[in-house]
């Protein structure tokens, strides 16, 4: 097993350990919180990586091909800036 696959396995085991032995209500609540925070972190890291690719001169289509998503999804990833302030009218 390569290092990255091992890291993923450890993360999944840690998720199991976080909720082990809890009643379903507590498990569901904890997993909802975890999903929100992990999702935000993953989206930010993915966006940062895509923006680095843009900075290196790759086109959106090239990025889409390299990361296995559609051109439209690349545009969405780049537009998904949680720190951006809404435009002023």
PDB file of N, CA and C in Angstrom:
ATOM      1  N   UNK A   1       0.855  -1.170   0.000  1.00  0.00           N
ATOM      2  CA  UNK A   1       0.000   0.000   0.000  1.00  0.00           C
ATOM      3  C   UNK A   1       0.908   1.243   0.000  1.00  0.00           C
ATOM      4  N   UNK A   2       0.629   2.181  -0.886  1.00  0.00           N
ATOM      5  CA  UNK A   2       1.468   3.373  -0.929  1.00  0.00           C
ATOM      6  C   UNK A   2       1.133   4.302   0.239  1.00  0.00           C
ATOM      7  N   UNK A   3       1.991   5.296   0.461  1.00  0.00           N
ATOM      8  CA  UNK A   3       1.848   6.192   1.613  1.00  0.00           C
ATOM      9  C   UNK A   3       0.521   6.941   1.622  1.00  0.00           C
ATOM     10  N   UNK A   4       0.080   7.389   0.459  1.00  0.00           N
ATOM     11  CA  UNK A   4      -1.170   8.164   0.403  1.00  0.00           C
ATOM     12  C   UNK A   4      -2.376   7.289   0.736  1.00  0.00           C
ATOM     13  N   UNK A   5      -2.382   6.074   0.226  1.00  0.00           N
ATOM     14  CA  UNK A   5      -3.480   5.158   0.536  1.00  0.00           C
ATOM     15  C   UNK A   5      -3.485   4.835   2.030  1.00  0.00           C
ATOM     16  N   UNK A   6      -2.316   4.713   2.593  1.00  0.00           N
ATOM     17  CA  UNK A   6      -2.205   4.459   4.035  1.00  0.00           C
ATOM     18  C   UNK A   6      -2.737   5.650   4.835  1.00  0.00           C
ATOM     19  N   UNK A   7      -2.443   6.864   4.393  1.00  0.00           N
ATOM     20  CA  UNK A   7      -2.955   8.059   5.060  1.00  0.00           C
ATOM     21  C   UNK A   7      -4.479   8.076   5.033  1.00  0.00           C
ATOM     22  N   UNK A   8      -5.052   7.760   3.888  1.00  0.00           N
ATOM     23  CA  UNK A   8      -6.513   7.733   3.757  1.00  0.00           C
ATOM     24  C   UNK A   8      -7.092   6.684   4.697  1.00  0.00           C
ATOM     25  N   UNK A   9      -6.473   5.523   4.754  1.00  0.00           N
ATOM     26  CA  UNK A   9      -6.947   4.451   5.643  1.00  0.00           C
ATOM     27  C   UNK A   9      -6.928   4.928   7.099  1.00  0.00           C
ATOM     28  N   UNK A  10      -5.852   5.614   7.500  1.00  0.00           N
ATOM     29  CA  UNK A  10      -5.747   6.103   8.880  1.00  0.00           C
ATOM     30  C   UNK A  10      -6.820   7.154   9.184  1.00  0.00           C
ATOM     31  N   UNK A  11      -7.097   8.012   8.219  1.00  0.00           N
ATOM     32  CA  UNK A  11      -8.147   9.028   8.425  1.00  0.00           C
ATOM     33  C   UNK A  11      -9.496   8.349   8.606  1.00  0.00           C
ATOM     34  N   UNK A  12      -9.784   7.366   7.774  1.00  0.00           N
ATOM     35  CA  UNK A  12     -11.067   6.662   7.891  1.00  0.00           C
ATOM     36  C   UNK A  12     -11.181   5.925   9.217  1.00  0.00           C
ATOM     37  N   UNK A  13     -10.083   5.342   9.684  1.00  0.00           N
ATOM     38  CA  UNK A  13     -10.092   4.675  10.989  1.00  0.00           C
ATOM     39  C   UNK A  13     -10.299   5.688  12.116  1.00  0.00           C
ATOM     40  N   UNK A  14      -9.708   6.869  11.970  1.00  0.00           N
ATOM     41  CA  UNK A  14      -9.881   7.908  12.984  1.00  0.00           C
ATOM     42  C   UNK A  14     -11.337   8.355  13.048  1.00  0.00           C
ATOM     43  N   UNK A  15     -11.985   8.446  11.905  1.00  0.00           N
ATOM     44  CA  UNK A  15     -13.407   8.814  11.881  1.00  0.00           C
ATOM     45  C   UNK A  15     -14.219   7.762  12.627  1.00  0.00           C
ATOM     46  N   UNK A  16     -13.916   6.491  12.383  1.00  0.00           N
ATOM     47  CA  UNK A  16     -14.612   5.420  13.101  1.00  0.00           C
ATOM     48  C   UNK A  16     -14.392   5.551  14.606  1.00  0.00           C
ATOM     49  N   UNK A  17     -13.160   5.852  15.013  1.00  0.00           N
ATOM     50  CA  UNK A  17     -12.824   5.945  16.430  1.00  0.00           C
ATOM     51  C   UNK A  17     -13.535   7.112  17.109  1.00  0.00           C
ATOM     52  N   UNK A  18     -13.741   8.200  16.384  1.00  0.00           N
ATOM     53  CA  UNK A  18     -14.381   9.390  16.952  1.00  0.00           C
ATOM     54  C   UNK A  18     -15.794   9.078  17.424  1.00  0.00           C
ATOM     55  N   UNK A  19     -16.476   8.204  16.747  1.00  0.00           N
ATOM     56  CA  UNK A  19     -17.884   7.946  17.069  1.00  0.00           C
ATOM     57  C   UNK A  19     -18.116   6.577  17.713  1.00  0.00           C
ATOM     58  N   UNK A  20     -17.071   5.855  17.966  1.00  0.00           N
ATOM     59  CA  UNK A  20     -17.207   4.501  18.503  1.00  0.00           C
ATOM     60  C   UNK A  20     -17.936   4.506  19.847  1.00  0.00           C
ATOM     61  N   UNK A  21     -18.938   3.666  19.939  1.00  0.00           N
ATOM     62  CA  UNK A  21     -19.656   3.490  21.190  1.00  0.00           C
ATOM     63  C   UNK A  21     -20.692   4.551  21.497  1.00  0.00           C
ATOM     64  N   UNK A  22     -20.869   5.519  20.652  1.00  0.00           N
ATOM     65  CA  UNK A  22     -21.854   6.567  20.909  1.00  0.00           C
ATOM     66  C   UNK A  22     -23.230   6.126  20.429  1.00  0.00           C
ATOM     67  N   UNK A  23     -24.271   6.623  21.071  1.00  0.00           N
ATOM     68  CA  UNK A  23     -25.617   6.330  20.570  1.00  0.00           C
ATOM     69  C   UNK A  23     -25.807   7.002  19.207  1.00  0.00           C
ATOM     70  N   UNK A  24     -26.752   6.526  18.416  1.00  0.00           N
ATOM     71  CA  UNK A  24     -26.906   7.039  17.052  1.00  0.00           C
ATOM     72  C   UNK A  24     -27.138   8.545  16.991  1.00  0.00           C
ATOM     73  N   UNK A  25     -27.844   9.104  17.953  1.00  0.00           N
ATOM     74  CA  UNK A  25     -28.101  10.549  17.930  1.00  0.00           C
ATOM     75  C   UNK A  25     -26.794  11.333  18.062  1.00  0.00           C
ATOM     76  N   UNK A  26     -25.958  10.933  19.004  1.00  0.00           N
ATOM     77  CA  UNK A  26     -24.672  11.607  19.219  1.00  0.00           C
ATOM     78  C   UNK A  26     -23.740  11.381  18.028  1.00  0.00           C
ATOM     79  N   UNK A  27     -23.759  10.154  17.493  1.00  0.00           N
ATOM     80  CA  UNK A  27     -22.931   9.822  16.323  1.00  0.00           C
ATOM     81  C   UNK A  27     -23.313  10.692  15.139  1.00  0.00           C
ATOM     82  N   UNK A  28     -24.620  10.801  14.889  1.00  0.00           N
ATOM     83  CA  UNK A  28     -25.096  11.595  13.753  1.00  0.00           C
ATOM     84  C   UNK A  28     -24.700  13.055  13.910  1.00  0.00           C
ATOM     85  N   UNK A  29     -24.833  13.596  15.120  1.00  0.00           N
ATOM     86  CA  UNK A  29     -24.477  14.986  15.356  1.00  0.00           C
ATOM     87  C   UNK A  29     -22.980  15.200  15.173  1.00  0.00           C
ATOM     88  N   UNK A  30     -22.161  14.343  15.750  1.00  0.00           N
ATOM     89  CA  UNK A  30     -20.708  14.471  15.633  1.00  0.00           C
ATOM     90  C   UNK A  30     -20.265  14.343  14.172  1.00  0.00           C
ATOM     91  N   UNK A  31     -20.857  13.396  13.444  1.00  0.00           N
ATOM     92  CA  UNK A  31     -20.488  13.206  12.036  1.00  0.00           C
ATOM     93  C   UNK A  31     -20.933  14.381  11.182  1.00  0.00           C
ATOM     94  N   UNK A  32     -22.061  14.994  11.516  1.00  0.00           N
ATOM     95  CA  UNK A  32     -22.509  16.188  10.790  1.00  0.00           C
ATOM     96  C   UNK A  32     -21.509  17.321  10.982  1.00  0.00           C
ATOM     97  N   UNK A  33     -21.061  17.527  12.205  1.00  0.00           N
ATOM     98  CA  UNK A  33     -20.061  18.559  12.493  1.00  0.00           C
ATOM     99  C   UNK A  33     -18.754  18.265  11.766  1.00  0.00           C
ATOM    100  N   UNK A  34     -18.352  17.001  11.807  1.00  0.00           N
ATOM    101  CA  UNK A  34     -17.112  16.587  11.144  1.00  0.00           C
ATOM    102  C   UNK A  34     -17.198  16.795   9.638  1.00  0.00           C
ATOM    103  N   UNK A  35     -18.319  16.415   9.062  1.00  0.00           N
ATOM    104  CA  UNK A  35     -18.506  16.566   7.625  1.00  0.00           C
ATOM    105  C   UNK A  35     -18.424  18.029   7.208  1.00  0.00           C
ATOM    106  N   UNK A  36     -19.018  18.909   7.999  1.00  0.00           N
ATOM    107  CA  UNK A  36     -18.978  20.326   7.676  1.00  0.00           C
ATOM    108  C   UNK A  36     -17.546  20.851   7.724  1.00  0.00           C
ATOM    109  N   UNK A  37     -16.838  20.566   8.795  1.00  0.00           N
ATOM    110  CA  UNK A  37     -15.483  21.118   8.932  1.00  0.00           C
ATOM    111  C   UNK A  37     -14.510  20.490   7.944  1.00  0.00           C
ATOM    112  N   UNK A  38     -14.601  19.194   7.727  1.00  0.00           N
ATOM    113  CA  UNK A  38     -13.713  18.534   6.774  1.00  0.00           C
ATOM    114  C   UNK A  38     -14.032  19.000   5.365  1.00  0.00           C
ATOM    115  N   UNK A  39     -15.315  19.126   5.049  1.00  0.00           N
ATOM    116  CA  UNK A  39     -15.710  19.582   3.716  1.00  0.00           C
ATOM    117  C   UNK A  39     -15.167  20.962   3.405  1.00  0.00           C
ATOM    118  N   UNK A  40     -15.253  21.858   4.379  1.00  0.00           N
ATOM    119  CA  UNK A  40     -14.729  23.214   4.185  1.00  0.00           C
ATOM    120  C   UNK A  40     -13.222  23.184   3.948  1.00  0.00           C
ATOM    121  N   UNK A  41     -12.521  22.387   4.738  1.00  0.00           N
ATOM    122  CA  UNK A  41     -11.055  22.290   4.613  1.00  0.00           C
ATOM    123  C   UNK A  41     -10.668  21.703   3.250  1.00  0.00           C
ATOM    124  N   UNK A  42     -11.346  20.659   2.838  1.00  0.00           N
ATOM    125  CA  UNK A  42     -11.042  20.011   1.559  1.00  0.00           C
ATOM    126  C   UNK A  42     -11.327  20.962   0.405  1.00  0.00           C
ATOM    127  N   UNK A  43     -12.455  21.670   0.447  1.00  0.00           N
ATOM    128  CA  UNK A  43     -12.774  22.627  -0.622  1.00  0.00           C
ATOM    129  C   UNK A  43     -11.714  23.720  -0.717  1.00  0.00           C
ATOM    130  N   UNK A  44     -11.275  24.235   0.431  1.00  0.00           N
ATOM    131  CA  UNK A  44     -10.264  25.289   0.427  1.00  0.00           C
ATOM    132  C   UNK A  44      -8.942  24.777  -0.138  1.00  0.00           C
ATOM    133  N   UNK A  45      -8.524  23.613   0.293  1.00  0.00           N
ATOM    134  CA  UNK A  45      -7.261  23.050  -0.187  1.00  0.00           C
ATOM    135  C   UNK A  45      -7.319  22.759  -1.686  1.00  0.00           C
ATOM    136  N   UNK A  46      -8.471  22.234  -2.149  1.00  0.00           N
ATOM    137  CA  UNK A  46      -8.616  21.958  -3.579  1.00  0.00           C
ATOM    138  C   UNK A  46      -8.574  23.256  -4.371  1.00  0.00           C
ATOM    139  N   UNK A  47      -9.276  24.278  -3.893  1.00  0.00           N
ATOM    140  CA  UNK A  47      -9.279  25.571  -4.584  1.00  0.00           C
ATOM    141  C   UNK A  47      -7.869  26.140  -4.645  1.00  0.00           C
ATOM    142  N   UNK A  48      -7.146  26.080  -3.540  1.00  0.00           N
ATOM    143  CA  UNK A  48      -5.771  26.575  -3.524  1.00  0.00           C
ATOM    144  C   UNK A  48      -4.907  25.839  -4.554  1.00  0.00           C
ATOM    145  N   UNK A  49      -5.073  24.524  -4.643  1.00  0.00           N
ATOM    146  CA  UNK A  49      -4.295  23.738  -5.597  1.00  0.00           C
ATOM    147  C   UNK A  49      -4.646  24.125  -7.031  1.00  0.00           C
ATOM    148  N   UNK A  50      -5.941  24.309  -7.303  1.00  0.00           N
ATOM    149  CA  UNK A  50      -6.367  24.699  -8.649  1.00  0.00           C
ATOM    150  C   UNK A  50      -5.837  26.086  -8.996  1.00  0.00           C
ATOM    151  N   UNK A  51      -5.879  27.000  -8.038  1.00  0.00           N
ATOM    152  CA  UNK A  51      -5.349  28.340  -8.297  1.00  0.00           C
ATOM    153  C   UNK A  51      -3.839  28.303  -8.554  1.00  0.00           C
ATOM    154  N   UNK A  52      -3.130  27.415  -7.897  1.00  0.00           N
ATOM    155  CA  UNK A  52      -1.699  27.244  -8.192  1.00  0.00           C
ATOM    156  C   UNK A  52      -1.500  26.785  -9.632  1.00  0.00           C
ATOM    157  N   UNK A  53      -2.376  25.902 -10.103  1.00  0.00           N
ATOM    158  CA  UNK A  53      -2.291  25.421 -11.477  1.00  0.00           C
ATOM    159  C   UNK A  53      -2.552  26.563 -12.451  1.00  0.00           C
ATOM    160  N   UNK A  54      -3.524  27.428 -12.117  1.00  0.00           N
ATOM    161  CA  UNK A  54      -3.807  28.599 -12.944  1.00  0.00           C
ATOM    162  C   UNK A  54      -2.579  29.501 -12.981  1.00  0.00           C
ATOM    163  N   UNK A  55      -1.973  29.724 -11.812  1.00  0.00           N
ATOM    164  CA  UNK A  55      -0.774  30.566 -11.735  1.00  0.00           C
ATOM    165  C   UNK A  55       0.380  29.998 -12.559  1.00  0.00           C
ATOM    166  N   UNK A  56       0.424  28.686 -12.718  1.00  0.00           N
ATOM    167  CA  UNK A  56       1.463  28.053 -13.536  1.00  0.00           C
ATOM    168  C   UNK A  56       1.152  28.156 -15.021  1.00  0.00           C
ATOM    169  N   UNK A  57      -0.018  28.713 -15.362  1.00  0.00           N
ATOM    170  CA  UNK A  57      -0.348  28.938 -16.761  1.00  0.00           C
ATOM    171  C   UNK A  57      -1.245  27.903 -17.405  1.00  0.00           C
ATOM    172  N   UNK A  58      -1.773  26.955 -16.636  1.00  0.00           N
ATOM    173  CA  UNK A  58      -2.662  25.963 -17.219  1.00  0.00           C
ATOM    174  C   UNK A  58      -4.021  26.583 -17.499  1.00  0.00           C
ATOM    175  N   UNK A  59      -4.643  26.135 -18.568  1.00  0.00           N
ATOM    176  CA  UNK A  59      -5.993  26.578 -18.883  1.00  0.00           C
ATOM    177  C   UNK A  59      -6.987  25.783 -18.034  1.00  0.00           C
ATOM    178  N   UNK A  60      -8.216  26.291 -17.947  1.00  0.00           N
ATOM    179  CA  UNK A  60      -9.247  25.574 -17.197  1.00  0.00           C
ATOM    180  C   UNK A  60      -9.462  24.180 -17.780  1.00  0.00           C
ATOM    181  N   UNK A  61      -9.416  24.059 -19.094  1.00  0.00           N
ATOM    182  CA  UNK A  61      -9.605  22.735 -19.720  1.00  0.00           C
ATOM    183  C   UNK A  61      -8.458  21.786 -19.369  1.00  0.00           C
ATOM    184  N   UNK A  62      -7.240  22.298 -19.350  1.00  0.00           N
ATOM    185  CA  UNK A  62      -6.096  21.469 -18.967  1.00  0.00           C
ATOM    186  C   UNK A  62      -6.230  21.015 -17.509  1.00  0.00           C
ATOM    187  N   UNK A  63      -6.636  21.934 -16.663  1.00  0.00           N
ATOM    188  CA  UNK A  63      -6.830  21.593 -15.253  1.00  0.00           C
ATOM    189  C   UNK A  63      -7.914  20.534 -15.120  1.00  0.00           C
ATOM    190  N   UNK A  64      -9.014  20.720 -15.831  1.00  0.00           N
ATOM    191  CA  UNK A  64     -10.115  19.755 -15.785  1.00  0.00           C
ATOM    192  C   UNK A  64      -9.626  18.367 -16.178  1.00  0.00           C
ATOM    193  N   UNK A  65      -8.860  18.281 -17.253  1.00  0.00           N
ATOM    194  CA  UNK A  65      -8.327  16.990 -17.698  1.00  0.00           C
ATOM    195  C   UNK A  65      -7.419  16.374 -16.646  1.00  0.00           C
ATOM    196  N   UNK A  66      -6.572  17.195 -16.045  1.00  0.00           N
ATOM    197  CA  UNK A  66      -5.589  16.675 -15.089  1.00  0.00           C
ATOM    198  C   UNK A  66      -6.214  16.211 -13.780  1.00  0.00           C
ATOM    199  N   UNK A  67      -7.283  16.879 -13.338  1.00  0.00           N
ATOM    200  CA  UNK A  67      -7.856  16.481 -12.048  1.00  0.00           C
ATOM    201  C   UNK A  67      -9.135  15.653 -12.189  1.00  0.00           C
ATOM    202  N   UNK A  68      -9.554  15.416 -13.425  1.00  0.00           N
ATOM    203  CA  UNK A  68     -10.676  14.511 -13.663  1.00  0.00           C
ATOM    204  C   UNK A  68     -12.049  15.095 -13.378  1.00  0.00           C
ATOM    205  N   UNK A  69     -12.200  16.389 -13.660  1.00  0.00           N
ATOM    206  CA  UNK A  69     -13.506  17.033 -13.504  1.00  0.00           C
ATOM    207  C   UNK A  69     -13.835  17.770 -14.798  1.00  0.00           C
ATOM    208  N   UNK A  70     -15.023  18.321 -14.872  1.00  0.00           N
ATOM    209  CA  UNK A  70     -15.424  19.059 -16.071  1.00  0.00           C
ATOM    210  C   UNK A  70     -14.860  20.482 -16.042  1.00  0.00           C
ATOM    211  N   UNK A  71     -14.846  21.104 -17.206  1.00  0.00           N
ATOM    212  CA  UNK A  71     -14.446  22.503 -17.337  1.00  0.00           C
ATOM    213  C   UNK A  71     -15.302  23.379 -16.423  1.00  0.00           C
ATOM    214  N   UNK A  72     -16.607  23.128 -16.426  1.00  0.00           N
ATOM    215  CA  UNK A  72     -17.527  23.895 -15.589  1.00  0.00           C
ATOM    216  C   UNK A  72     -17.221  23.749 -14.103  1.00  0.00           C
ATOM    217  N   UNK A  73     -16.840  22.544 -13.690  1.00  0.00           N
ATOM    218  CA  UNK A  73     -16.500  22.320 -12.289  1.00  0.00           C
ATOM    219  C   UNK A  73     -15.248  23.119 -11.911  1.00  0.00           C
ATOM    220  N   UNK A  74     -14.279  23.210 -12.802  1.00  0.00           N
ATOM    221  CA  UNK A  74     -13.081  24.014 -12.533  1.00  0.00           C
ATOM    222  C   UNK A  74     -13.506  25.461 -12.289  1.00  0.00           C
ATOM    223  N   UNK A  75     -14.382  25.974 -13.116  1.00  0.00           N
ATOM    224  CA  UNK A  75     -14.867  27.347 -12.936  1.00  0.00           C
ATOM    225  C   UNK A  75     -15.555  27.501 -11.582  1.00  0.00           C
ATOM    226  N   UNK A  76     -16.351  26.499 -11.187  1.00  0.00           N
ATOM    227  CA  UNK A  76     -17.033  26.546  -9.891  1.00  0.00           C
ATOM    228  C   UNK A  76     -16.036  26.513  -8.738  1.00  0.00           C
ATOM    229  N   UNK A  77     -15.023  25.669  -8.858  1.00  0.00           N
ATOM    230  CA  UNK A  77     -14.008  25.561  -7.807  1.00  0.00           C
ATOM    231  C   UNK A  77     -13.328  26.913  -7.610  1.00  0.00           C
ATOM    232  N   UNK A  78     -12.962  27.541  -8.703  1.00  0.00           N
ATOM    233  CA  UNK A  78     -12.266  28.827  -8.628  1.00  0.00           C
ATOM    234  C   UNK A  78     -13.187  29.909  -8.069  1.00  0.00           C
ATOM    235  N   UNK A  79     -14.453  29.865  -8.436  1.00  0.00           N
ATOM    236  CA  UNK A  79     -15.408  30.877  -7.973  1.00  0.00           C
ATOM    237  C   UNK A  79     -15.805  30.673  -6.510  1.00  0.00           C
ATOM    238  N   UNK A  80     -15.568  29.501  -5.973  1.00  0.00           N
ATOM    239  CA  UNK A  80     -15.983  29.158  -4.611  1.00  0.00           C
ATOM    240  C   UNK A  80     -14.958  29.683  -3.606  1.00  0.00           C
ATOM    241  N   UNK A  81     -15.013  30.991  -3.353  1.00  0.00           N
ATOM    242  CA  UNK A  81     -14.073  31.617  -2.431  1.00  0.00           C
ATOM    243  C   UNK A  81     -14.811  31.981  -1.151  1.00  0.00           C
ATOM    244  N   UNK A  82     -14.643  31.187  -0.079  1.00  0.00           N
ATOM    245  CA  UNK A  82     -15.371  31.461   1.150  1.00  0.00           C
ATOM    246  C   UNK A  82     -14.968  32.773   1.819  1.00  0.00           C
ATOM    247  N   UNK A  83     -13.796  33.295   1.478  1.00  0.00           N
ATOM    248  CA  UNK A  83     -13.316  34.540   2.077  1.00  0.00           C
ATOM    249  C   UNK A  83     -13.679  35.764   1.243  1.00  0.00           C
ATOM    250  N   UNK A  84     -14.242  35.531   0.060  1.00  0.00           N
ATOM    251  CA  UNK A  84     -14.553  36.658  -0.831  1.00  0.00           C
ATOM    252  C   UNK A  84     -15.699  37.480  -0.252  1.00  0.00           C
ATOM    253  N   UNK A  85     -15.579  38.768  -0.402  1.00  0.00           N
ATOM    254  CA  UNK A  85     -16.654  39.658   0.019  1.00  0.00           C
ATOM    255  C   UNK A  85     -17.597  39.829  -1.153  1.00  0.00           C
ATOM    256  N   UNK A  86     -18.897  39.940  -0.891  1.00  0.00           N
ATOM    257  CA  UNK A  86     -19.836  40.128  -1.992  1.00  0.00           C
ATOM    258  C   UNK A  86     -19.516  41.425  -2.739  1.00  0.00           C
ATOM    259  N   UNK A  87     -19.758  41.426  -4.039  1.00  0.00           N
ATOM    260  CA  UNK A  87     -19.490  42.648  -4.797  1.00  0.00           C
ATOM    261  C   UNK A  87     -20.340  43.810  -4.308  1.00  0.00           C
ATOM    262  N   UNK A  88     -19.762  44.991  -4.355  1.00  0.00           N
ATOM    263  CA  UNK A  88     -20.485  46.197  -3.947  1.00  0.00           C
ATOM    264  C   UNK A  88     -21.185  46.750  -5.179  1.00  0.00           C
ATOM    265  N   UNK A  89     -22.481  47.027  -5.049  1.00  0.00           N
ATOM    266  CA  UNK A  89     -23.258  47.557  -6.177  1.00  0.00           C
ATOM    267  C   UNK A  89     -23.036  49.021  -6.346  1.00  0.00           C
TER     268      UNK A  89
END
